């Protein structure tokens, strides 16, 4: 089960609290202590193309859109 569709079943299981509790227990994504999936973009939630330098913690697409506001300059 992927990260995006984990909570889609909540709408159907809302009327059955016991089944919902069991679903959350067994299907929730586990917390990662290391690896690619442990760092997510703070804006979009993506795991790929992560820029973590200087504590930015965002994906490269969002970094490109706000880099000039942060004071970065493009050379080349």
N, C-alpha and C. Protein backbone atom coordinates (compact mmCIF):
# COMPACT_ATOMS: atom_id res chain seq x y z
N UNK A 1 0.84 -1.17 0.00
CA UNK A 1 0.00 0.00 0.00
C UNK A 1 0.89 1.24 0.00
N UNK A 2 0.58 2.18 -0.84
CA UNK A 2 1.41 3.35 -0.94
C UNK A 2 0.98 4.42 0.05
N UNK A 3 1.78 5.43 0.17
CA UNK A 3 1.52 6.50 1.12
C UNK A 3 0.28 7.29 0.75
N UNK A 4 0.02 7.45 -0.55
CA UNK A 4 -1.08 8.31 -0.98
C UNK A 4 -2.45 7.68 -0.74
N UNK A 5 -2.60 6.36 -0.85
CA UNK A 5 -3.92 5.77 -0.73
C UNK A 5 -4.18 5.09 0.61
N UNK A 6 -3.38 5.35 1.61
CA UNK A 6 -3.55 4.73 2.93
C UNK A 6 -4.83 5.21 3.61
N UNK A 7 -5.16 6.48 3.47
CA UNK A 7 -6.31 7.04 4.18
C UNK A 7 -7.60 7.05 3.38
N UNK A 8 -7.59 6.52 2.17
CA UNK A 8 -8.79 6.52 1.35
C UNK A 8 -9.86 5.60 1.89
N UNK A 9 -9.48 4.57 2.61
CA UNK A 9 -10.45 3.61 3.15
C UNK A 9 -11.15 4.13 4.40
N UNK A 10 -10.69 5.22 4.99
CA UNK A 10 -11.29 5.76 6.20
C UNK A 10 -12.75 6.13 5.98
N UNK A 11 -13.08 6.62 4.81
CA UNK A 11 -14.45 7.06 4.52
C UNK A 11 -15.42 5.88 4.62
N UNK A 12 -15.03 4.73 4.11
CA UNK A 12 -15.90 3.56 4.15
C UNK A 12 -15.95 2.92 5.53
N UNK A 13 -14.84 2.97 6.26
CA UNK A 13 -14.76 2.30 7.56
C UNK A 13 -15.20 3.17 8.73
N UNK A 14 -15.63 4.38 8.47
CA UNK A 14 -16.02 5.29 9.54
C UNK A 14 -17.20 4.76 10.35
N UNK A 15 -18.08 3.99 9.73
CA UNK A 15 -19.25 3.46 10.44
C UNK A 15 -18.93 2.20 11.24
N UNK A 16 -17.74 1.63 11.02
CA UNK A 16 -17.32 0.42 11.73
C UNK A 16 -16.05 0.71 12.52
N UNK A 17 -16.17 1.23 13.74
CA UNK A 17 -14.98 1.66 14.49
C UNK A 17 -14.01 0.53 14.83
N UNK A 18 -14.50 -0.68 15.08
CA UNK A 18 -13.60 -1.78 15.42
C UNK A 18 -12.76 -2.19 14.21
N UNK A 19 -13.38 -2.22 13.05
CA UNK A 19 -12.66 -2.58 11.83
C UNK A 19 -11.67 -1.48 11.45
N UNK A 20 -12.06 -0.22 11.66
CA UNK A 20 -11.17 0.91 11.38
C UNK A 20 -9.94 0.87 12.26
N UNK A 21 -10.10 0.56 13.54
CA UNK A 21 -8.98 0.48 14.46
C UNK A 21 -8.00 -0.61 14.03
N UNK A 22 -8.52 -1.77 13.62
CA UNK A 22 -7.67 -2.86 13.16
C UNK A 22 -6.98 -2.49 11.85
N UNK A 23 -7.68 -1.79 10.96
CA UNK A 23 -7.10 -1.36 9.68
C UNK A 23 -5.93 -0.40 9.91
N UNK A 24 -6.12 0.55 10.80
CA UNK A 24 -5.06 1.52 11.09
C UNK A 24 -3.85 0.82 11.71
N UNK A 25 -4.11 -0.13 12.60
CA UNK A 25 -3.02 -0.84 13.27
C UNK A 25 -2.13 -1.60 12.27
N UNK A 26 -2.75 -2.25 11.31
CA UNK A 26 -2.00 -3.12 10.41
C UNK A 26 -1.56 -2.46 9.10
N UNK A 27 -2.17 -1.35 8.71
CA UNK A 27 -1.88 -0.76 7.41
C UNK A 27 -1.21 0.60 7.45
N UNK A 28 -0.99 1.14 8.63
CA UNK A 28 -0.33 2.43 8.73
C UNK A 28 1.13 2.30 8.31
N UNK A 29 1.66 3.28 7.56
CA UNK A 29 3.07 3.20 7.20
C UNK A 29 3.95 3.36 8.44
N UNK A 30 4.98 2.53 8.55
CA UNK A 30 5.81 2.57 9.75
C UNK A 30 6.78 3.74 9.70
N UNK A 31 7.18 4.20 10.87
CA UNK A 31 8.12 5.30 10.98
C UNK A 31 9.51 4.81 10.61
N UNK A 32 10.17 5.54 9.74
CA UNK A 32 11.50 5.17 9.27
C UNK A 32 12.56 5.90 10.07
N UNK A 33 13.63 5.18 10.43
CA UNK A 33 14.73 5.82 11.15
C UNK A 33 15.88 6.18 10.22
N UNK A 34 15.94 5.54 9.06
CA UNK A 34 16.99 5.84 8.10
C UNK A 34 16.49 5.47 6.71
N UNK A 35 17.18 5.94 5.70
CA UNK A 35 16.80 5.61 4.33
C UNK A 35 16.13 6.75 3.61
N UNK A 36 15.76 6.48 2.38
CA UNK A 36 15.18 7.50 1.51
C UNK A 36 13.81 7.96 1.99
N UNK A 37 13.00 7.06 2.50
CA UNK A 37 11.63 7.41 2.90
C UNK A 37 11.56 8.13 4.24
N UNK A 38 12.66 8.26 4.95
CA UNK A 38 12.63 8.94 6.25
C UNK A 38 12.60 10.45 6.10
N UNK A 39 13.07 10.96 4.97
CA UNK A 39 13.10 12.40 4.74
C UNK A 39 12.06 12.77 3.69
N UNK A 40 11.13 13.60 4.06
CA UNK A 40 10.08 14.03 3.14
C UNK A 40 10.17 15.54 2.95
N UNK A 41 9.67 15.98 1.80
CA UNK A 41 9.60 17.41 1.52
C UNK A 41 8.60 18.04 2.48
N UNK A 42 8.95 19.17 3.07
CA UNK A 42 8.05 19.81 4.02
C UNK A 42 6.85 20.45 3.34
N UNK A 43 6.96 20.71 2.05
CA UNK A 43 5.88 21.37 1.32
C UNK A 43 4.97 20.37 0.63
N UNK A 44 5.56 19.46 -0.17
CA UNK A 44 4.76 18.54 -0.98
C UNK A 44 4.68 17.13 -0.42
N UNK A 45 5.63 16.71 0.39
CA UNK A 45 5.63 15.35 0.95
C UNK A 45 6.35 14.33 0.09
N UNK A 46 7.01 14.75 -0.97
CA UNK A 46 7.75 13.83 -1.83
C UNK A 46 8.98 13.29 -1.12
N UNK A 47 9.42 12.10 -1.54
CA UNK A 47 10.61 11.51 -0.95
C UNK A 47 11.81 11.60 -1.89
N UNK A 48 11.58 11.74 -3.18
CA UNK A 48 12.68 11.76 -4.15
C UNK A 48 13.20 13.16 -4.42
N UNK A 49 14.48 13.26 -4.77
CA UNK A 49 15.08 14.55 -5.11
C UNK A 49 15.11 15.50 -3.94
N UNK A 50 15.55 15.03 -2.80
CA UNK A 50 15.49 15.78 -1.54
C UNK A 50 16.72 16.67 -1.37
N UNK A 51 16.49 17.94 -1.03
CA UNK A 51 17.56 18.89 -0.73
C UNK A 51 17.54 19.11 0.78
N UNK A 52 18.49 18.51 1.48
CA UNK A 52 18.51 18.60 2.93
C UNK A 52 19.56 19.54 3.47
N UNK A 53 20.38 20.08 2.58
CA UNK A 53 21.48 20.94 3.02
C UNK A 53 20.92 22.23 3.62
N UNK A 54 21.60 22.74 4.62
CA UNK A 54 21.23 23.96 5.35
C UNK A 54 19.87 23.83 6.04
N UNK A 55 19.40 22.60 6.24
CA UNK A 55 18.12 22.40 6.92
C UNK A 55 16.91 22.75 6.09
N UNK A 56 17.04 22.74 4.76
CA UNK A 56 15.91 23.11 3.91
C UNK A 56 14.83 22.04 3.89
N UNK A 57 15.22 20.78 3.74
CA UNK A 57 14.29 19.64 3.74
C UNK A 57 13.11 19.83 2.79
N UNK A 58 13.41 20.00 1.51
CA UNK A 58 12.37 20.11 0.49
C UNK A 58 12.83 19.43 -0.78
N UNK A 59 11.90 19.13 -1.66
CA UNK A 59 12.23 18.47 -2.91
C UNK A 59 12.85 19.49 -3.86
N UNK A 60 13.52 18.98 -4.88
CA UNK A 60 14.24 19.87 -5.78
C UNK A 60 13.31 20.77 -6.59
N UNK A 61 12.08 20.31 -6.87
CA UNK A 61 11.14 21.13 -7.62
C UNK A 61 10.73 22.37 -6.83
N UNK A 62 10.46 22.21 -5.56
CA UNK A 62 10.10 23.35 -4.72
C UNK A 62 11.30 24.24 -4.46
N UNK A 63 12.48 23.64 -4.36
CA UNK A 63 13.69 24.43 -4.15
C UNK A 63 13.93 25.37 -5.32
N UNK A 64 13.75 24.86 -6.54
CA UNK A 64 13.95 25.69 -7.73
C UNK A 64 12.98 26.87 -7.76
N UNK A 65 11.76 26.67 -7.28
CA UNK A 65 10.77 27.74 -7.35
C UNK A 65 11.03 28.84 -6.32
N UNK A 66 11.65 28.52 -5.18
CA UNK A 66 11.85 29.54 -4.16
C UNK A 66 13.32 29.83 -3.86
N UNK A 67 14.24 29.33 -4.69
CA UNK A 67 15.67 29.51 -4.42
C UNK A 67 16.08 30.97 -4.46
N UNK A 68 15.55 31.74 -5.40
CA UNK A 68 15.94 33.17 -5.48
C UNK A 68 15.44 33.95 -4.27
N UNK A 69 14.32 33.56 -3.69
CA UNK A 69 13.81 34.23 -2.48
C UNK A 69 14.69 33.93 -1.27
N UNK A 70 15.31 32.75 -1.28
CA UNK A 70 16.20 32.36 -0.18
C UNK A 70 17.60 32.95 -0.30
N UNK A 71 17.93 33.49 -1.48
CA UNK A 71 19.23 34.11 -1.67
C UNK A 71 20.22 33.29 -2.47
N UNK A 72 19.78 32.20 -3.06
CA UNK A 72 20.66 31.39 -3.90
C UNK A 72 20.72 31.99 -5.30
N UNK A 73 21.90 31.89 -5.93
CA UNK A 73 22.07 32.38 -7.28
C UNK A 73 22.42 31.24 -8.20
N UNK A 74 21.94 31.29 -9.43
CA UNK A 74 22.22 30.26 -10.41
C UNK A 74 23.44 30.67 -11.22
N UNK A 75 24.46 29.84 -11.21
CA UNK A 75 25.67 30.10 -11.98
C UNK A 75 25.69 29.17 -13.18
N UNK A 76 25.88 29.72 -14.37
CA UNK A 76 26.04 29.01 -15.64
C UNK A 76 25.10 29.54 -16.69
